[in-house]
Amino acid sequence: MTSDKIKQIAICHFARNGYEGASLGQIAAEVGIKKQSIYNHFKGKDELFLQICRDSNVYVIYTVKKYMEINRNLPFKQFLYNLLLVLKDQFEKNEFTRFCLRFSLFPPSHLYEQVKEIVYHYLYMFEALLISVFEVSKLEGQIHTEVYLEEATSAYLGLLDGIFIEMLYGEPSRIQKRLNHSWTIYWRGITK
């Protein structure tokens, strides 16, 4: 229970102040424990940060799986477009998703390799989930015969990356414009 509360408070501190600016003392005070009590749950700031990285990536994969289960009967085009909207919405409203994105792109330099390993593990899972959807759609003739599944999936993830970058720096109208324009070109590229 306490370790969950520590992570819940810490994610806000990391997101707001960055890794370097997040203070275990301030996190502990907000949780209502002494700083040294954090060490009963985590070896230190690095372990706490890396655990939040894992948890945030698990949450994103959970969100994608849940979306896929609920929406598996949507037309392929609507399914893919709505998934972009769901992930965009999650970034705007959910601390885990925001943390996941920010620190996937800009990890603390001394934790770069560990963060990269975590991110790639979950990115491969996400890619495998998408490929399963693309396989069915290709069999149904919804994807151009000359488009390979890996290409369509990689391009979709590239589209998502572009939207996420815009979300870090852009304004809502600019984000929506980027999403709509990129989506239109992407869809034309993979279909007949």
C-alpha atoms as a PDB file:
ATOM      1  CA  MET A   1       0.000   0.000   0.000  1.00  0.00           C
ATOM      2  CA  THR A   2       2.705   2.473   0.982  1.00  0.00           C
ATOM      3  CA  SER A   3       4.863   1.611  -2.035  1.00  0.00           C
ATOM      4  CA  ASP A   4       1.883   2.351  -4.310  1.00  0.00           C
ATOM      5  CA  LYS A   5       1.359   5.693  -2.602  1.00  0.00           C
ATOM      6  CA  ILE A   6       5.072   6.486  -2.928  1.00  0.00           C
ATOM      7  CA  LYS A   7       4.906   5.735  -6.670  1.00  0.00           C
ATOM      8  CA  GLN A   8       1.708   7.747  -7.074  1.00  0.00           C
ATOM      9  CA  ILE A   9       3.283  10.824  -5.466  1.00  0.00           C
ATOM     10  CA  ALA A  10       6.679  10.272  -7.111  1.00  0.00           C
ATOM     11  CA  ILE A  11       5.240  10.165 -10.621  1.00  0.00           C
ATOM     12  CA  CYS A  12       3.896  13.692 -10.140  1.00  0.00           C
ATOM     13  CA  HIS A  13       7.252  14.898  -8.818  1.00  0.00           C
ATOM     14  CA  PHE A  14       9.204  13.296 -11.683  1.00  0.00           C
ATOM     15  CA  ALA A  15       6.758  14.644 -14.258  1.00  0.00           C
ATOM     16  CA  ARG A  16       6.755  18.134 -12.771  1.00  0.00           C
ATOM     17  CA  ASN A  17      10.416  18.512 -11.741  1.00  0.00           C
ATOM     18  CA  GLY A  18      12.255  15.989 -13.905  1.00  0.00           C
ATOM     19  CA  TYR A  19      14.428  13.239 -12.500  1.00  0.00           C
ATOM     20  CA  GLU A  20      17.073  15.590 -11.131  1.00  0.00           C
ATOM     21  CA  GLY A  21      14.555  17.953  -9.542  1.00  0.00           C
ATOM     22  CA  ALA A  22      12.478  15.270  -7.842  1.00  0.00           C
ATOM     23  CA  SER A  23      13.355  15.008  -4.164  1.00  0.00           C
ATOM     24  CA  LEU A  24      12.869  11.815  -2.161  1.00  0.00           C
ATOM     25  CA  GLY A  25      12.488  13.995   0.929  1.00  0.00           C
ATOM     26  CA  GLN A  26       9.608  15.938  -0.613  1.00  0.00           C
ATOM     27  CA  ILE A  27       8.021  12.747  -1.925  1.00  0.00           C
ATOM     28  CA  ALA A  28       8.244  11.159   1.535  1.00  0.00           C
ATOM     29  CA  ALA A  29       6.787  14.260   3.206  1.00  0.00           C
ATOM     30  CA  GLU A  30       3.836  14.255   0.822  1.00  0.00           C
ATOM     31  CA  VAL A  31       3.275  10.531   1.423  1.00  0.00           C
ATOM     32  CA  GLY A  32       3.416  11.178   5.176  1.00  0.00           C
ATOM     33  CA  ILE A  33       6.521   9.128   5.946  1.00  0.00           C
ATOM     34  CA  LYS A  34      10.164   9.877   6.709  1.00  0.00           C
ATOM     35  CA  LYS A  35      12.616   9.896   3.818  1.00  0.00           C
ATOM     36  CA  GLN A  36      14.488   6.855   5.110  1.00  0.00           C
ATOM     37  CA  SER A  37      11.203   4.878   5.088  1.00  0.00           C
ATOM     38  CA  ILE A  38      11.231   5.036   1.274  1.00  0.00           C
ATOM     39  CA  TYR A  39      14.252   2.725   1.424  1.00  0.00           C
ATOM     40  CA  ASN A  40      12.033   0.031   2.977  1.00  0.00           C
ATOM     41  CA  HIS A  41      10.242  -0.077  -0.390  1.00  0.00           C
ATOM     42  CA  PHE A  42      12.868   0.995  -2.943  1.00  0.00           C
ATOM     43  CA  LYS A  43      16.680   0.877  -2.920  1.00  0.00           C
ATOM     44  CA  GLY A  44      16.790   4.496  -3.994  1.00  0.00           C
ATOM     45  CA  LYS A  45      15.632   7.081  -6.467  1.00  0.00           C
ATOM     46  CA  ASP A  46      16.850   5.096  -9.484  1.00  0.00           C
ATOM     47  CA  GLU A  47      14.887   1.989  -8.524  1.00  0.00           C
ATOM     48  CA  LEU A  48      11.767   4.061  -7.804  1.00  0.00           C
ATOM     49  CA  PHE A  49      12.076   5.797 -11.168  1.00  0.00           C
ATOM     50  CA  LEU A  50      12.637   2.548 -13.088  1.00  0.00           C
ATOM     51  CA  GLN A  51       9.684   0.881 -11.356  1.00  0.00           C
ATOM     52  CA  ILE A  52       7.459   3.783 -12.384  1.00  0.00           C
ATOM     53  CA  CYS A  53       8.807   3.395 -15.949  1.00  0.00           C
ATOM     54  CA  ARG A  54       7.768  -0.267 -15.920  1.00  0.00           C
ATOM     55  CA  ASP A  55       4.381   0.510 -14.378  1.00  0.00           C
ATOM     56  CA  SER A  56       3.650   3.292 -16.858  1.00  0.00           C
ATOM     57  CA  ASN A  57       4.503   1.063 -19.825  1.00  0.00           C
ATOM     58  CA  VAL A  58       2.344  -1.731 -18.387  1.00  0.00           C
ATOM     59  CA  TYR A  59      -0.495   0.786 -18.119  1.00  0.00           C
ATOM     60  CA  VAL A  60      -0.138   1.860 -21.758  1.00  0.00           C
ATOM     61  CA  ILE A  61      -0.161  -1.775 -22.943  1.00  0.00           C
ATOM     62  CA  TYR A  62      -3.190  -2.444 -20.722  1.00  0.00           C
ATOM     63  CA  THR A  63      -4.955   0.544 -22.290  1.00  0.00           C
ATOM     64  CA  VAL A  64      -4.206  -0.729 -25.801  1.00  0.00           C
ATOM     65  CA  LYS A  65      -5.335  -4.287 -24.990  1.00  0.00           C
ATOM     66  CA  LYS A  66      -8.527  -3.023 -23.376  1.00  0.00           C
ATOM     67  CA  TYR A  67      -9.234  -0.797 -26.382  1.00  0.00           C
ATOM     68  CA  MET A  68      -8.634  -3.724 -28.741  1.00  0.00           C
ATOM     69  CA  GLU A  69     -10.990  -6.019 -26.821  1.00  0.00           C
ATOM     70  CA  ILE A  70     -13.799  -3.481 -26.668  1.00  0.00           C
ATOM     71  CA  ASN A  71     -13.426  -2.223 -30.244  1.00  0.00           C
ATOM     72  CA  ARG A  72     -12.354  -5.315 -32.180  1.00  0.00           C
ATOM     73  CA  ASN A  73     -15.522  -5.187 -34.317  1.00  0.00           C
ATOM     74  CA  LEU A  74     -15.013  -1.625 -35.528  1.00  0.00           C
ATOM     75  CA  PRO A  75     -14.133  -1.122 -39.181  1.00  0.00           C
ATOM     76  CA  PHE A  76     -10.330  -1.223 -39.580  1.00  0.00           C
ATOM     77  CA  LYS A  77     -10.003   2.476 -40.489  1.00  0.00           C
ATOM     78  CA  GLN A  78     -12.079   3.611 -37.526  1.00  0.00           C
ATOM     79  CA  PHE A  79     -10.287   1.171 -35.208  1.00  0.00           C
ATOM     80  CA  LEU A  80      -6.840   2.579 -36.050  1.00  0.00           C
ATOM     81  CA  TYR A  81      -7.912   6.230 -36.014  1.00  0.00           C
ATOM     82  CA  ASN A  82      -9.770   5.879 -32.717  1.00  0.00           C
ATOM     83  CA  LEU A  83      -6.740   4.175 -31.148  1.00  0.00           C
ATOM     84  CA  LEU A  84      -4.724   7.298 -31.967  1.00  0.00           C
ATOM     85  CA  LEU A  85      -7.420   9.397 -30.275  1.00  0.00           C
ATOM     86  CA  VAL A  86      -7.481   7.144 -27.200  1.00  0.00           C
ATOM     87  CA  LEU A  87      -3.704   7.349 -26.770  1.00  0.00           C
ATOM     88  CA  LYS A  88      -3.778  11.123 -27.326  1.00  0.00           C
ATOM     89  CA  ASP A  89      -6.530  11.415 -24.705  1.00  0.00           C
ATOM     90  CA  GLN A  90      -4.557   9.241 -22.278  1.00  0.00           C
ATOM     91  CA  PHE A  91      -1.518  11.475 -22.680  1.00  0.00           C
ATOM     92  CA  GLU A  92      -3.601  14.554 -21.938  1.00  0.00           C
ATOM     93  CA  LYS A  93      -5.364  13.114 -18.889  1.00  0.00           C
ATOM     94  CA  ASN A  94      -3.245  10.358 -17.350  1.00  0.00           C
ATOM     95  CA  GLU A  95      -0.023  10.838 -15.367  1.00  0.00           C
ATOM     96  CA  PHE A  96       1.263   7.338 -16.187  1.00  0.00           C
ATOM     97  CA  THR A  97       0.922   7.892 -19.929  1.00  0.00           C
ATOM     98  CA  ARG A  98       2.477  11.359 -19.755  1.00  0.00           C
ATOM     99  CA  PHE A  99       5.359  10.021 -17.662  1.00  0.00           C
ATOM    100  CA  CYS A 100       5.836   7.083 -20.032  1.00  0.00           C
ATOM    101  CA  LEU A 101       6.098   9.331 -23.058  1.00  0.00           C
ATOM    102  CA  ARG A 102       8.301  12.047 -21.559  1.00  0.00           C
ATOM    103  CA  PHE A 103      10.827   9.744 -19.996  1.00  0.00           C
ATOM    104  CA  SER A 104      10.852   7.344 -22.948  1.00  0.00           C
ATOM    105  CA  LEU A 105      12.067  10.244 -25.058  1.00  0.00           C
ATOM    106  CA  PHE A 106      14.172  12.042 -22.446  1.00  0.00           C
ATOM    107  CA  PRO A 107      15.411   9.592 -19.797  1.00  0.00           C
ATOM    108  CA  PRO A 108      17.982  10.578 -17.181  1.00  0.00           C
ATOM    109  CA  SER A 109      21.334  10.070 -18.904  1.00  0.00           C
ATOM    110  CA  HIS A 110      22.673   7.613 -16.315  1.00  0.00           C
ATOM    111  CA  LEU A 111      19.542   5.430 -16.714  1.00  0.00           C
ATOM    112  CA  TYR A 112      19.383   5.631 -20.499  1.00  0.00           C
ATOM    113  CA  GLU A 113      20.158   1.953 -21.173  1.00  0.00           C
ATOM    114  CA  GLN A 114      17.743   0.642 -18.526  1.00  0.00           C
ATOM    115  CA  VAL A 115      14.922   2.922 -19.701  1.00  0.00           C
ATOM    116  CA  LYS A 116      15.588   1.985 -23.330  1.00  0.00           C
ATOM    117  CA  GLU A 117      15.390  -1.711 -22.423  1.00  0.00           C
ATOM    118  CA  ILE A 118      12.043  -1.200 -20.649  1.00  0.00           C
ATOM    119  CA  VAL A 119      10.627   0.924 -23.466  1.00  0.00           C
ATOM    120  CA  TYR A 120      11.661  -1.477 -26.221  1.00  0.00           C
ATOM    121  CA  HIS A 121      10.226  -4.444 -24.347  1.00  0.00           C
ATOM    122  CA  TYR A 122       6.796  -2.801 -24.265  1.00  0.00           C
ATOM    123  CA  LEU A 123       7.143  -1.283 -27.723  1.00  0.00           C
ATOM    124  CA  TYR A 124       7.639  -4.785 -29.148  1.00  0.00           C
ATOM    125  CA  MET A 125       4.512  -5.901 -27.287  1.00  0.00           C
ATOM    126  CA  PHE A 126       2.552  -2.971 -28.736  1.00  0.00           C
ATOM    127  CA  GLU A 127       3.859  -3.745 -32.207  1.00  0.00           C
ATOM    128  CA  ALA A 128       2.835  -7.419 -31.886  1.00  0.00           C
ATOM    129  CA  LEU A 129      -0.678  -6.382 -30.848  1.00  0.00           C
ATOM    130  CA  LEU A 130      -0.937  -4.103 -33.876  1.00  0.00           C
ATOM    131  CA  ILE A 131       0.430  -6.690 -36.299  1.00  0.00           C
ATOM    132  CA  SER A 132      -2.337  -9.086 -35.264  1.00  0.00           C
ATOM    133  CA  VAL A 133      -4.917  -6.461 -36.253  1.00  0.00           C
ATOM    134  CA  PHE A 134      -3.123  -5.680 -39.512  1.00  0.00           C
ATOM    135  CA  GLU A 135      -2.933  -9.396 -40.410  1.00  0.00           C
ATOM    136  CA  VAL A 136      -6.711  -9.778 -40.264  1.00  0.00           C
ATOM    137  CA  SER A 137      -7.249  -6.586 -42.246  1.00  0.00           C
ATOM    138  CA  LYS A 138      -4.763  -7.662 -44.903  1.00  0.00           C
ATOM    139  CA  LEU A 139      -6.543 -11.001 -45.279  1.00  0.00           C
ATOM    140  CA  GLU A 140      -9.808  -9.082 -45.694  1.00  0.00           C
ATOM    141  CA  GLY A 141      -8.234  -7.016 -48.469  1.00  0.00           C
ATOM    142  CA  GLN A 142      -8.291  -3.709 -46.584  1.00  0.00           C
ATOM    143  CA  ILE A 143      -4.542  -3.150 -46.901  1.00  0.00           C
ATOM    144  CA  HIS A 144      -2.893  -2.747 -50.282  1.00  0.00           C
ATOM    145  CA  THR A 145      -1.307  -6.005 -51.443  1.00  0.00           C
ATOM    146  CA  GLU A 146       2.087  -4.328 -51.919  1.00  0.00           C
ATOM    147  CA  VAL A 147       2.188  -3.098 -48.303  1.00  0.00           C
ATOM    148  CA  TYR A 148       3.951  -5.424 -45.866  1.00  0.00           C
ATOM    149  CA  LEU A 149       2.544  -5.800 -42.345  1.00  0.00           C
ATOM    150  CA  GLU A 150       5.781  -4.655 -40.693  1.00  0.00           C
ATOM    151  CA  GLU A 151       5.832  -1.549 -42.899  1.00  0.00           C
ATOM    152  CA  ALA A 152       2.226  -0.636 -42.111  1.00  0.00           C
ATOM    153  CA  THR A 153       2.792  -1.197 -38.396  1.00  0.00           C
ATOM    154  CA  SER A 154       6.073   0.742 -38.290  1.00  0.00           C
ATOM    155  CA  ALA A 155       4.538   3.626 -40.210  1.00  0.00           C
ATOM    156  CA  TYR A 156       1.574   3.673 -37.802  1.00  0.00           C
ATOM    157  CA  LEU A 157       3.950   3.817 -34.841  1.00  0.00           C
ATOM    158  CA  GLY A 158       5.856   6.608 -36.617  1.00  0.00           C
ATOM    159  CA  LEU A 159       2.581   8.489 -37.018  1.00  0.00           C
ATOM    160  CA  LEU A 160       1.907   8.015 -33.315  1.00  0.00           C
ATOM    161  CA  ASP A 161       5.442   9.197 -32.457  1.00  0.00           C
ATOM    162  CA  GLY A 162       4.909  12.375 -34.481  1.00  0.00           C
ATOM    163  CA  ILE A 163       1.657  13.090 -32.691  1.00  0.00           C
ATOM    164  CA  PHE A 164       3.267  12.467 -29.300  1.00  0.00           C
ATOM    165  CA  ILE A 165       6.132  14.847 -30.089  1.00  0.00           C
ATOM    166  CA  GLU A 166       3.615  17.483 -31.154  1.00  0.00           C
ATOM    167  CA  MET A 167       1.769  16.913 -27.875  1.00  0.00           C
ATOM    168  CA  LEU A 168       4.921  17.684 -25.906  1.00  0.00           C
ATOM    169  CA  TYR A 169       5.397  21.026 -27.637  1.00  0.00           C
ATOM    170  CA  GLY A 170       2.255  21.970 -29.547  1.00  0.00           C
ATOM    171  CA  GLU A 171      -1.084  23.569 -28.881  1.00  0.00           C
ATOM    172  CA  PRO A 172      -4.347  21.565 -29.032  1.00  0.00           C
ATOM    173  CA  SER A 173      -5.397  22.918 -32.443  1.00  0.00           C
ATOM    174  CA  ARG A 174      -1.972  22.191 -33.887  1.00  0.00           C
ATOM    175  CA  ILE A 175      -2.002  18.679 -32.424  1.00  0.00           C
ATOM    176  CA  GLN A 176      -5.386  17.908 -33.969  1.00  0.00           C
ATOM    177  CA  LYS A 177      -4.278  19.339 -37.310  1.00  0.00           C
ATOM    178  CA  ARG A 178      -1.120  17.179 -37.257  1.00  0.00           C
ATOM    179  CA  LEU A 179      -3.145  14.109 -36.355  1.00  0.00           C
ATOM    180  CA  ASN A 180      -5.731  14.657 -39.112  1.00  0.00           C
ATOM    181  CA  HIS A 181      -3.223  15.437 -41.858  1.00  0.00           C
ATOM    182  CA  SER A 182      -0.848  12.630 -40.938  1.00  0.00           C
ATOM    183  CA  TRP A 183      -3.715  10.177 -40.663  1.00  0.00           C
ATOM    184  CA  THR A 184      -5.082  11.081 -44.106  1.00  0.00           C
ATOM    185  CA  ILE A 185      -1.716  10.501 -45.773  1.00  0.00           C
ATOM    186  CA  TYR A 186      -1.067   7.314 -43.779  1.00  0.00           C
ATOM    187  CA  TRP A 187      -4.447   5.819 -44.674  1.00  0.00           C
ATOM    188  CA  ARG A 188      -4.011   6.592 -48.370  1.00  0.00           C
ATOM    189  CA  GLY A 189      -0.608   4.945 -48.268  1.00  0.00           C
ATOM    190  CA  ILE A 190      -1.719   1.587 -46.881  1.00  0.00           C
ATOM    191  CA  THR A 191      -5.028   1.129 -48.691  1.00  0.00           C
ATOM    192  CA  LYS A 192      -5.976   0.437 -52.281  1.00  0.00           C
END
